[in-house]
Amino acid sequence: MIDQVSNKAILIIDPQKDFTSETGAYAKRHSGILQILKAKKNIQNLIDTTSTPVIIIYSNYIENQFENNLSICIPNTEGHQIDLELKKNFYLFSKTEHDAFSSEEFKKFLIEKKISSVFIGGFLAEYCVKQTAISAINFGLKVSLIEDCIGTGDDVQFRKENLFEEMKNYNFFSNRI
């Protein structure tokens, strides 16, 4: 399905150890991340087998950016590291907010490459994936959310369900790999 669409890219949001590792900051705040680990495995399989360009968006946050005593994806920490095997050429862009479209370099890249469709996976469903998907639609892109490549904590799966329910208000598509 994905490889059949022209002018497209796969967009993977925040595949960083603070979100995807059992010892990461996010796992320490939740009762389990089995669903995140499954989504990460699906993402790895997807990027290993696709011929579609893959864009990795990673977070460069500052200490206590979102709340006191929550420091996550801080540059030069283990949790900041990308937790995927990058075997092929990838495009990497950083962001400092939930929304990938807060990165001017990323937006310029989409225009330069004439990307018209994005297939989005990554972490966390209710924050960065949601904000990026909404902004992508507002940017004029056709958006497909790759459901089995989107993760959040096991104890807050309702947030992922809410993402798909809320996105019904927008022109988007839902896919599985």
C-alpha atoms as a PDB file:
ATOM      1  CA  MET A   1       0.000   0.000   0.000  1.00  0.00           C
ATOM      2  CA  ILE A   2       2.566   2.608   1.075  1.00  0.00           C
ATOM      3  CA  ASP A   3       5.009   1.926  -1.763  1.00  0.00           C
ATOM      4  CA  GLN A   4       2.204   2.417  -4.329  1.00  0.00           C
ATOM      5  CA  VAL A   5       1.628   6.109  -3.490  1.00  0.00           C
ATOM      6  CA  SER A   6       3.734   8.739  -5.286  1.00  0.00           C
ATOM      7  CA  ASN A   7       5.379  11.800  -3.681  1.00  0.00           C
ATOM      8  CA  LYS A   8       5.177  10.235  -0.263  1.00  0.00           C
ATOM      9  CA  ALA A   9       7.289   9.702   2.805  1.00  0.00           C
ATOM     10  CA  ILE A  10       7.091   7.633   5.957  1.00  0.00           C
ATOM     11  CA  LEU A  11       7.339   9.861   9.003  1.00  0.00           C
ATOM     12  CA  ILE A  12       8.485   8.258  12.273  1.00  0.00           C
ATOM     13  CA  ILE A  13       8.037  10.457  15.332  1.00  0.00           C
ATOM     14  CA  ASP A  14      10.281  10.218  18.418  1.00  0.00           C
ATOM     15  CA  PRO A  15      11.707   6.680  18.231  1.00  0.00           C
ATOM     16  CA  GLN A  16      13.927   7.578  21.173  1.00  0.00           C
ATOM     17  CA  LYS A  17      14.918   5.456  24.133  1.00  0.00           C
ATOM     18  CA  ASP A  18      13.118   7.657  26.650  1.00  0.00           C
ATOM     19  CA  PHE A  19       9.876   6.514  24.955  1.00  0.00           C
ATOM     20  CA  THR A  20      10.797   3.063  23.631  1.00  0.00           C
ATOM     21  CA  SER A  21      13.046   1.480  26.256  1.00  0.00           C
ATOM     22  CA  GLU A  22      11.837  -0.390  29.329  1.00  0.00           C
ATOM     23  CA  THR A  23      14.348   1.693  31.312  1.00  0.00           C
ATOM     24  CA  GLY A  24      13.373   4.986  29.654  1.00  0.00           C
ATOM     25  CA  ALA A  25      11.758   7.936  31.384  1.00  0.00           C
ATOM     26  CA  TYR A  26       8.315   7.189  29.942  1.00  0.00           C
ATOM     27  CA  ALA A  27       8.301   3.535  31.072  1.00  0.00           C
ATOM     28  CA  LYS A  28       9.170   4.612  34.598  1.00  0.00           C
ATOM     29  CA  ARG A  29       5.954   6.663  34.718  1.00  0.00           C
ATOM     30  CA  HIS A  30       3.639   3.952  33.330  1.00  0.00           C
ATOM     31  CA  SER A  31       2.710   0.401  34.274  1.00  0.00           C
ATOM     32  CA  GLY A  32       3.981  -1.065  31.023  1.00  0.00           C
ATOM     33  CA  ILE A  33       5.098  -0.327  27.480  1.00  0.00           C
ATOM     34  CA  LEU A  34       4.419  -3.637  25.728  1.00  0.00           C
ATOM     35  CA  GLN A  35       2.296  -1.877  23.116  1.00  0.00           C
ATOM     36  CA  ILE A  36       5.130   0.615  22.481  1.00  0.00           C
ATOM     37  CA  LEU A  37       7.606  -2.254  22.078  1.00  0.00           C
ATOM     38  CA  LYS A  38       5.278  -3.926  19.574  1.00  0.00           C
ATOM     39  CA  ALA A  39       4.885  -0.672  17.632  1.00  0.00           C
ATOM     40  CA  LYS A  40       8.680  -0.224  17.612  1.00  0.00           C
ATOM     41  CA  LYS A  41       9.104  -3.726  16.183  1.00  0.00           C
ATOM     42  CA  ASN A  42       6.520  -2.948  13.494  1.00  0.00           C
ATOM     43  CA  ILE A  43       8.297   0.314  12.654  1.00  0.00           C
ATOM     44  CA  GLN A  44      11.621  -1.483  12.347  1.00  0.00           C
ATOM     45  CA  ASN A  45      10.066  -4.049  10.013  1.00  0.00           C
ATOM     46  CA  LEU A  46       8.462  -1.306   7.929  1.00  0.00           C
ATOM     47  CA  ILE A  47      11.607   0.769   7.493  1.00  0.00           C
ATOM     48  CA  ASP A  48      13.681  -2.337   6.740  1.00  0.00           C
ATOM     49  CA  THR A  49      11.386  -3.417   3.910  1.00  0.00           C
ATOM     50  CA  THR A  50      10.105  -0.219   2.302  1.00  0.00           C
ATOM     51  CA  SER A  51      11.424   1.620  -0.729  1.00  0.00           C
ATOM     52  CA  THR A  52       9.623   4.771   0.436  1.00  0.00           C
ATOM     53  CA  PRO A  53      11.767   7.590   1.870  1.00  0.00           C
ATOM     54  CA  VAL A  54      11.822   7.518   5.685  1.00  0.00           C
ATOM     55  CA  ILE A  55      11.983  10.665   7.786  1.00  0.00           C
ATOM     56  CA  ILE A  56      12.904  10.344  11.443  1.00  0.00           C
ATOM     57  CA  ILE A  57      11.805  13.231  13.647  1.00  0.00           C
ATOM     58  CA  TYR A  58      13.416  13.283  17.070  1.00  0.00           C
ATOM     59  CA  SER A  59      12.916  15.507  20.095  1.00  0.00           C
ATOM     60  CA  ASN A  60      15.435  17.876  21.622  1.00  0.00           C
ATOM     61  CA  TYR A  61      13.665  18.864  24.812  1.00  0.00           C
ATOM     62  CA  ILE A  62      14.968  20.764  27.819  1.00  0.00           C
ATOM     63  CA  GLU A  63      14.729  19.753  31.451  1.00  0.00           C
ATOM     64  CA  ASN A  64      11.248  20.139  32.947  1.00  0.00           C
ATOM     65  CA  GLN A  65       9.905  21.408  29.603  1.00  0.00           C
ATOM     66  CA  PHE A  66       6.468  19.892  30.062  1.00  0.00           C
ATOM     67  CA  GLU A  67       6.242  19.602  33.846  1.00  0.00           C
ATOM     68  CA  ASN A  68       8.450  19.612  36.921  1.00  0.00           C
ATOM     69  CA  ASN A  69      10.478  16.443  37.432  1.00  0.00           C
ATOM     70  CA  LEU A  70       9.836  15.290  33.853  1.00  0.00           C
ATOM     71  CA  SER A  71      12.989  15.531  31.817  1.00  0.00           C
ATOM     72  CA  ILE A  72      12.679  13.499  28.654  1.00  0.00           C
ATOM     73  CA  CYS A  73      14.679  13.320  25.403  1.00  0.00           C
ATOM     74  CA  ILE A  74      17.372  15.657  26.685  1.00  0.00           C
ATOM     75  CA  PRO A  75      20.316  15.924  24.250  1.00  0.00           C
ATOM     76  CA  ASN A  76      23.444  13.995  25.254  1.00  0.00           C
ATOM     77  CA  THR A  77      21.524  11.517  27.432  1.00  0.00           C
ATOM     78  CA  GLU A  78      20.873   7.843  26.748  1.00  0.00           C
ATOM     79  CA  GLY A  79      17.143   8.538  26.525  1.00  0.00           C
ATOM     80  CA  HIS A  80      17.754  10.946  23.652  1.00  0.00           C
ATOM     81  CA  GLN A  81      19.256   8.211  21.442  1.00  0.00           C
ATOM     82  CA  ILE A  82      17.258   6.859  18.506  1.00  0.00           C
ATOM     83  CA  ASP A  83      16.150   3.304  19.308  1.00  0.00           C
ATOM     84  CA  LEU A  84      15.965   1.861  15.791  1.00  0.00           C
ATOM     85  CA  GLU A  85      18.526   0.182  13.581  1.00  0.00           C
ATOM     86  CA  LEU A  86      19.024   2.664  10.770  1.00  0.00           C
ATOM     87  CA  LYS A  87      20.290   0.369   8.012  1.00  0.00           C
ATOM     88  CA  LYS A  88      19.398   2.596   5.069  1.00  0.00           C
ATOM     89  CA  ASN A  89      19.632   6.268   4.299  1.00  0.00           C
ATOM     90  CA  PHE A  90      17.205   8.286   6.359  1.00  0.00           C
ATOM     91  CA  TYR A  91      16.375  11.917   6.701  1.00  0.00           C
ATOM     92  CA  LEU A  92      16.721  13.189  10.266  1.00  0.00           C
ATOM     93  CA  PHE A  93      15.112  16.319  11.657  1.00  0.00           C
ATOM     94  CA  SER A  94      14.898  17.560  15.219  1.00  0.00           C
ATOM     95  CA  LYS A  95      12.055  19.358  16.937  1.00  0.00           C
ATOM     96  CA  THR A  96      11.706  21.172  20.236  1.00  0.00           C
ATOM     97  CA  GLU A  97       7.917  20.906  20.615  1.00  0.00           C
ATOM     98  CA  HIS A  98       5.391  18.073  20.265  1.00  0.00           C
ATOM     99  CA  ASP A  99       4.666  19.089  16.677  1.00  0.00           C
ATOM    100  CA  ALA A 100       7.199  18.081  13.994  1.00  0.00           C
ATOM    101  CA  PHE A 101       6.064  21.132  12.043  1.00  0.00           C
ATOM    102  CA  SER A 102       7.777  23.293  14.664  1.00  0.00           C
ATOM    103  CA  SER A 103      10.931  22.424  12.653  1.00  0.00           C
ATOM    104  CA  GLU A 104      11.451  24.907   9.820  1.00  0.00           C
ATOM    105  CA  GLU A 105      14.031  22.582   8.242  1.00  0.00           C
ATOM    106  CA  PHE A 106      11.477  19.780   8.117  1.00  0.00           C
ATOM    107  CA  LYS A 107       8.851  21.994   6.460  1.00  0.00           C
ATOM    108  CA  LYS A 108      11.396  23.221   3.871  1.00  0.00           C
ATOM    109  CA  PHE A 109      12.358  19.626   3.118  1.00  0.00           C
ATOM    110  CA  LEU A 110       8.726  18.643   2.450  1.00  0.00           C
ATOM    111  CA  ILE A 111       8.352  21.541   0.028  1.00  0.00           C
ATOM    112  CA  GLU A 112      11.682  20.924  -1.725  1.00  0.00           C
ATOM    113  CA  LYS A 113      10.948  17.208  -2.180  1.00  0.00           C
ATOM    114  CA  LYS A 114       7.334  17.943  -3.209  1.00  0.00           C
ATOM    115  CA  ILE A 115       5.998  15.507  -0.614  1.00  0.00           C
ATOM    116  CA  SER A 116       2.204  15.372  -0.835  1.00  0.00           C
ATOM    117  CA  SER A 117       1.443  12.312   1.352  1.00  0.00           C
ATOM    118  CA  VAL A 118       2.836  11.175   4.684  1.00  0.00           C
ATOM    119  CA  PHE A 119       2.385   7.879   6.488  1.00  0.00           C
ATOM    120  CA  ILE A 120       2.875   8.555  10.200  1.00  0.00           C
ATOM    121  CA  GLY A 121       4.000   6.235  12.973  1.00  0.00           C
ATOM    122  CA  GLY A 122       5.819   6.765  16.236  1.00  0.00           C
ATOM    123  CA  PHE A 123       5.428   7.884  19.815  1.00  0.00           C
ATOM    124  CA  LEU A 124       3.437   9.092  21.699  1.00  0.00           C
ATOM    125  CA  ALA A 125       0.025   8.751  20.079  1.00  0.00           C
ATOM    126  CA  GLU A 126      -1.693  11.438  22.137  1.00  0.00           C
ATOM    127  CA  TYR A 127       1.012  14.091  21.934  1.00  0.00           C
ATOM    128  CA  CYS A 128       3.576  14.242  19.145  1.00  0.00           C
ATOM    129  CA  VAL A 129       1.827  11.928  16.684  1.00  0.00           C
ATOM    130  CA  LYS A 130      -1.491  13.729  17.091  1.00  0.00           C
ATOM    131  CA  GLN A 131      -0.062  17.248  16.829  1.00  0.00           C
ATOM    132  CA  THR A 132       2.071  16.330  13.829  1.00  0.00           C
ATOM    133  CA  ALA A 133      -0.836  14.651  12.024  1.00  0.00           C
ATOM    134  CA  ILE A 134      -3.092  17.677  12.498  1.00  0.00           C
ATOM    135  CA  SER A 135      -0.352  20.047  11.344  1.00  0.00           C
ATOM    136  CA  ALA A 136       0.400  17.850   8.319  1.00  0.00           C
ATOM    137  CA  ILE A 137      -3.247  18.088   7.257  1.00  0.00           C
ATOM    138  CA  ASN A 138      -3.206  21.852   7.790  1.00  0.00           C
ATOM    139  CA  PHE A 139       0.021  21.987   5.741  1.00  0.00           C
ATOM    140  CA  GLY A 140      -1.941  20.452   2.864  1.00  0.00           C
ATOM    141  CA  LEU A 141      -0.638  16.898   3.035  1.00  0.00           C
ATOM    142  CA  LYS A 142      -2.627  13.712   2.676  1.00  0.00           C
ATOM    143  CA  VAL A 143      -2.155  11.920   6.009  1.00  0.00           C
ATOM    144  CA  SER A 144      -2.306   8.218   6.793  1.00  0.00           C
ATOM    145  CA  LEU A 145      -1.759   7.035  10.353  1.00  0.00           C
ATOM    146  CA  ILE A 146      -0.113   3.617  10.530  1.00  0.00           C
ATOM    147  CA  GLU A 147      -2.108   2.258  13.441  1.00  0.00           C
ATOM    148  CA  ASP A 148       0.150  -0.643  14.379  1.00  0.00           C
ATOM    149  CA  CYS A 149       3.211   1.636  14.254  1.00  0.00           C
ATOM    150  CA  ILE A 150       1.854   4.151  16.781  1.00  0.00           C
ATOM    151  CA  GLY A 151       2.425   3.651  20.478  1.00  0.00           C
ATOM    152  CA  THR A 152       1.612   4.865  23.940  1.00  0.00           C
ATOM    153  CA  GLY A 153       1.706   3.386  27.451  1.00  0.00           C
ATOM    154  CA  ASP A 154      -0.191   0.177  28.176  1.00  0.00           C
ATOM    155  CA  ASP A 155      -2.124   1.873  30.968  1.00  0.00           C
ATOM    156  CA  VAL A 156      -3.274   4.726  28.713  1.00  0.00           C
ATOM    157  CA  GLN A 157      -4.324   2.902  25.546  1.00  0.00           C
ATOM    158  CA  PHE A 158      -7.537   4.909  25.593  1.00  0.00           C
ATOM    159  CA  ARG A 159      -5.393   7.871  24.500  1.00  0.00           C
ATOM    160  CA  LYS A 160      -4.443   6.075  21.293  1.00  0.00           C
ATOM    161  CA  GLU A 161      -8.091   5.172  20.728  1.00  0.00           C
ATOM    162  CA  ASN A 162      -9.007   8.828  21.310  1.00  0.00           C
ATOM    163  CA  LEU A 163      -6.440   9.890  18.709  1.00  0.00           C
ATOM    164  CA  PHE A 164      -8.183   7.866  16.009  1.00  0.00           C
ATOM    165  CA  GLU A 165     -11.600   9.058  17.170  1.00  0.00           C
ATOM    166  CA  GLU A 166     -10.512  12.726  17.162  1.00  0.00           C
ATOM    167  CA  MET A 167      -8.859  12.386  13.765  1.00  0.00           C
ATOM    168  CA  LYS A 168     -12.242  11.540  12.249  1.00  0.00           C
ATOM    169  CA  ASN A 169     -12.807  15.313  12.302  1.00  0.00           C
ATOM    170  CA  TYR A 170      -9.957  15.646   9.797  1.00  0.00           C
ATOM    171  CA  ASN A 171      -9.327  14.239   6.359  1.00  0.00           C
ATOM    172  CA  PHE A 172      -7.051  11.317   7.235  1.00  0.00           C
ATOM    173  CA  PHE A 173      -6.660   7.622   6.544  1.00  0.00           C
ATOM    174  CA  SER A 174      -5.835   4.749   8.878  1.00  0.00           C
ATOM    175  CA  ASN A 175      -3.627   1.856   7.757  1.00  0.00           C
ATOM    176  CA  ARG A 176      -1.946  -1.184   9.183  1.00  0.00           C
ATOM    177  CA  ILE A 177       1.225  -2.776   7.901  1.00  0.00           C
END
